[in-house]
Amino acid sequence: MLAFLTGAKKQSTRYSRCAHLRAFFNHILDRYKLNFTNPCDTLIIKRVFRPARIGIRTVIDRETIDEIIYTTAKTRDRLILELQARAGMRIGEVLKLTPNDLDGVKVTIRNPKSGREQ
């Protein structure tokens, strides 16, 4: 039945749904102290619904990034790309910046996603 429900889905979705179902059965078994095995713990299900393999990410080299930045026509876009590439800022952090956040070469990020104060 699980194979029928996840047949046309990506491998990561299939694995996730199987993991949720396995966790549900484990919860029921632990909660009610039932005496049967988890049906999601069979070898066949573990093989069919194994986690998806993560592909190798490609990294853009520094020269290509510099070329992209320097060929950008608008100053605003160039500044956004510079802050992202050089300072490692996320796009949301860059777009929330105000002139008050700049102090010379120091930039203060308010409410960063990393969980730090600033």
C-alpha atoms as a PDB file:
ATOM      1  CA  MET A   1       0.000   0.000   0.000  1.00  0.00           C
ATOM      2  CA  LEU A   2       2.843   2.400   0.830  1.00  0.00           C
ATOM      3  CA  ALA A   3       4.461   1.694  -2.540  1.00  0.00           C
ATOM      4  CA  PHE A   4       1.143   2.474  -4.260  1.00  0.00           C
ATOM      5  CA  LEU A   5       0.799   5.800  -2.416  1.00  0.00           C
ATOM      6  CA  THR A   6       4.354   6.927  -3.141  1.00  0.00           C
ATOM      7  CA  GLY A   7       4.941   5.329  -6.543  1.00  0.00           C
ATOM      8  CA  ALA A   8       5.398   8.502  -8.618  1.00  0.00           C
ATOM      9  CA  LYS A   9       7.092  10.570  -5.911  1.00  0.00           C
ATOM     10  CA  LYS A  10      10.773  11.442  -5.488  1.00  0.00           C
ATOM     11  CA  GLN A  11      12.938   9.119  -3.423  1.00  0.00           C
ATOM     12  CA  SER A  12      13.288  11.684  -0.628  1.00  0.00           C
ATOM     13  CA  THR A  13       9.488  11.986  -0.377  1.00  0.00           C
ATOM     14  CA  ARG A  14       9.091   8.211  -0.325  1.00  0.00           C
ATOM     15  CA  TYR A  15      11.696   7.888   2.425  1.00  0.00           C
ATOM     16  CA  SER A  16      10.110  10.691   4.446  1.00  0.00           C
ATOM     17  CA  ARG A  17       6.646   9.146   4.316  1.00  0.00           C
ATOM     18  CA  CYS A  18       8.006   5.746   5.291  1.00  0.00           C
ATOM     19  CA  ALA A  19       9.938   7.314   8.191  1.00  0.00           C
ATOM     20  CA  HIS A  20       6.777   9.040   9.419  1.00  0.00           C
ATOM     21  CA  LEU A  21       4.831   5.804   9.231  1.00  0.00           C
ATOM     22  CA  ARG A  22       7.630   3.946  11.040  1.00  0.00           C
ATOM     23  CA  ALA A  23       7.641   6.595  13.781  1.00  0.00           C
ATOM     24  CA  PHE A  24       3.858   6.325  14.102  1.00  0.00           C
ATOM     25  CA  PHE A  25       4.017   2.544  14.550  1.00  0.00           C
ATOM     26  CA  ASN A  26       6.870   2.890  17.060  1.00  0.00           C
ATOM     27  CA  HIS A  27       4.796   5.390  19.028  1.00  0.00           C
ATOM     28  CA  ILE A  28       1.786   3.050  19.094  1.00  0.00           C
ATOM     29  CA  LEU A  29       3.952   0.098  20.121  1.00  0.00           C
ATOM     30  CA  ASP A  30       5.603   2.067  22.938  1.00  0.00           C
ATOM     31  CA  ARG A  31       2.430   3.772  24.137  1.00  0.00           C
ATOM     32  CA  TYR A  32       0.191   0.734  24.332  1.00  0.00           C
ATOM     33  CA  LYS A  33       2.875  -1.912  24.977  1.00  0.00           C
ATOM     34  CA  LEU A  34       1.658  -4.055  22.098  1.00  0.00           C
ATOM     35  CA  ASN A  35       3.379  -7.314  21.292  1.00  0.00           C
ATOM     36  CA  PHE A  36       4.017  -7.170  17.546  1.00  0.00           C
ATOM     37  CA  THR A  37       6.822  -5.892  15.357  1.00  0.00           C
ATOM     38  CA  ASN A  38       6.753  -2.683  13.392  1.00  0.00           C
ATOM     39  CA  PRO A  39       5.625  -3.541   9.843  1.00  0.00           C
ATOM     40  CA  CYS A  40       7.963  -0.824   8.482  1.00  0.00           C
ATOM     41  CA  ASP A  41      11.046  -2.592   9.863  1.00  0.00           C
ATOM     42  CA  THR A  42      11.160  -5.314   7.218  1.00  0.00           C
ATOM     43  CA  LEU A  43      14.231  -5.615   5.020  1.00  0.00           C
ATOM     44  CA  ILE A  44      12.272  -5.103   1.793  1.00  0.00           C
ATOM     45  CA  ILE A  45      10.713  -1.845   2.983  1.00  0.00           C
ATOM     46  CA  LYS A  46      14.078  -0.583   4.204  1.00  0.00           C
ATOM     47  CA  ARG A  47      15.561  -1.229   0.741  1.00  0.00           C
ATOM     48  CA  VAL A  48      12.701   0.256  -1.256  1.00  0.00           C
ATOM     49  CA  PHE A  49      12.317   3.325   0.963  1.00  0.00           C
ATOM     50  CA  ARG A  50      15.959   4.070   1.728  1.00  0.00           C
ATOM     51  CA  PRO A  51      17.132   7.690   1.939  1.00  0.00           C
ATOM     52  CA  ALA A  52      17.893   9.491  -1.285  1.00  0.00           C
ATOM     53  CA  ARG A  53      21.529  10.016  -2.139  1.00  0.00           C
ATOM     54  CA  ILE A  54      22.632  13.607  -1.969  1.00  0.00           C
ATOM     55  CA  GLY A  55      24.261  14.746  -5.174  1.00  0.00           C
ATOM     56  CA  ILE A  56      27.576  16.510  -5.343  1.00  0.00           C
ATOM     57  CA  ARG A  57      27.168  20.276  -5.240  1.00  0.00           C
ATOM     58  CA  THR A  58      29.123  22.357  -7.646  1.00  0.00           C
ATOM     59  CA  VAL A  59      30.916  25.425  -6.355  1.00  0.00           C
ATOM     60  CA  ILE A  60      31.375  28.462  -8.547  1.00  0.00           C
ATOM     61  CA  ASP A  61      34.993  29.573  -8.656  1.00  0.00           C
ATOM     62  CA  ARG A  62      36.053  33.046  -7.505  1.00  0.00           C
ATOM     63  CA  GLU A  63      36.820  34.337 -11.024  1.00  0.00           C
ATOM     64  CA  THR A  64      33.313  33.536 -12.251  1.00  0.00           C
ATOM     65  CA  ILE A  65      31.759  35.247  -9.233  1.00  0.00           C
ATOM     66  CA  ASP A  66      33.943  38.334  -9.807  1.00  0.00           C
ATOM     67  CA  GLU A  67      32.926  38.387 -13.477  1.00  0.00           C
ATOM     68  CA  ILE A  68      29.231  38.198 -12.551  1.00  0.00           C
ATOM     69  CA  ILE A  69      29.591  41.006 -10.018  1.00  0.00           C
ATOM     70  CA  TYR A  70      31.628  43.341 -12.245  1.00  0.00           C
ATOM     71  CA  THR A  71      29.402  42.893 -15.292  1.00  0.00           C
ATOM     72  CA  THR A  72      26.263  43.788 -13.346  1.00  0.00           C
ATOM     73  CA  ALA A  73      24.976  47.125 -14.626  1.00  0.00           C
ATOM     74  CA  LYS A  74      22.919  48.397 -11.685  1.00  0.00           C
ATOM     75  CA  THR A  75      24.763  49.584  -8.583  1.00  0.00           C
ATOM     76  CA  ARG A  76      22.059  48.181  -6.296  1.00  0.00           C
ATOM     77  CA  ASP A  77      22.345  44.692  -7.781  1.00  0.00           C
ATOM     78  CA  ARG A  78      26.118  44.830  -7.689  1.00  0.00           C
ATOM     79  CA  LEU A  79      26.061  45.796  -3.995  1.00  0.00           C
ATOM     80  CA  ILE A  80      23.660  42.933  -3.225  1.00  0.00           C
ATOM     81  CA  LEU A  81      25.928  40.440  -5.011  1.00  0.00           C
ATOM     82  CA  GLU A  82      29.033  41.826  -3.273  1.00  0.00           C
ATOM     83  CA  LEU A  83      27.470  41.482   0.183  1.00  0.00           C
ATOM     84  CA  GLN A  84      26.320  37.957  -0.546  1.00  0.00           C
ATOM     85  CA  ALA A  85      29.601  36.798  -2.049  1.00  0.00           C
ATOM     86  CA  ARG A  86      32.095  38.593   0.182  1.00  0.00           C
ATOM     87  CA  ALA A  87      30.254  38.714   3.527  1.00  0.00           C
ATOM     88  CA  GLY A  88      28.241  35.494   3.184  1.00  0.00           C
ATOM     89  CA  MET A  89      24.971  37.276   3.811  1.00  0.00           C
ATOM     90  CA  ARG A  90      21.641  35.754   2.893  1.00  0.00           C
ATOM     91  CA  ILE A  91      19.379  37.641   0.496  1.00  0.00           C
ATOM     92  CA  GLY A  92      16.841  38.337   3.247  1.00  0.00           C
ATOM     93  CA  GLU A  93      19.545  39.845   5.444  1.00  0.00           C
ATOM     94  CA  VAL A  94      20.768  42.074   2.617  1.00  0.00           C
ATOM     95  CA  LEU A  95      17.271  43.300   1.778  1.00  0.00           C
ATOM     96  CA  LYS A  96      16.563  44.205   5.432  1.00  0.00           C
ATOM     97  CA  LEU A  97      19.620  46.490   5.665  1.00  0.00           C
ATOM     98  CA  THR A  98      19.034  50.186   6.256  1.00  0.00           C
ATOM     99  CA  PRO A  99      21.531  53.089   6.134  1.00  0.00           C
ATOM    100  CA  ASN A 100      21.594  53.044   9.959  1.00  0.00           C
ATOM    101  CA  ASP A 101      23.060  49.507   9.846  1.00  0.00           C
ATOM    102  CA  LEU A 102      26.223  50.741   8.108  1.00  0.00           C
ATOM    103  CA  ASP A 103      29.133  52.209  10.066  1.00  0.00           C
ATOM    104  CA  GLY A 104      32.112  52.598   7.736  1.00  0.00           C
ATOM    105  CA  VAL A 105      33.066  49.044   6.752  1.00  0.00           C
ATOM    106  CA  LYS A 106      31.064  47.515   9.622  1.00  0.00           C
ATOM    107  CA  VAL A 107      27.581  46.165   8.868  1.00  0.00           C
ATOM    108  CA  THR A 108      25.138  45.303  11.647  1.00  0.00           C
ATOM    109  CA  ILE A 109      22.601  42.595  10.854  1.00  0.00           C
ATOM    110  CA  ARG A 110      19.446  42.805  12.934  1.00  0.00           C
ATOM    111  CA  ASN A 111      17.696  39.506  13.774  1.00  0.00           C
ATOM    112  CA  PRO A 112      19.964  37.229  11.722  1.00  0.00           C
ATOM    113  CA  LYS A 113      18.787  33.759  10.819  1.00  0.00           C
ATOM    114  CA  SER A 114      21.718  32.208  12.703  1.00  0.00           C
ATOM    115  CA  GLY A 115      19.985  32.988  16.009  1.00  0.00           C
ATOM    116  CA  ARG A 116      22.527  35.502  17.269  1.00  0.00           C
ATOM    117  CA  GLU A 117      21.395  38.905  18.470  1.00  0.00           C
ATOM    118  CA  GLN A 118      23.291  40.931  15.858  1.00  0.00           C
END
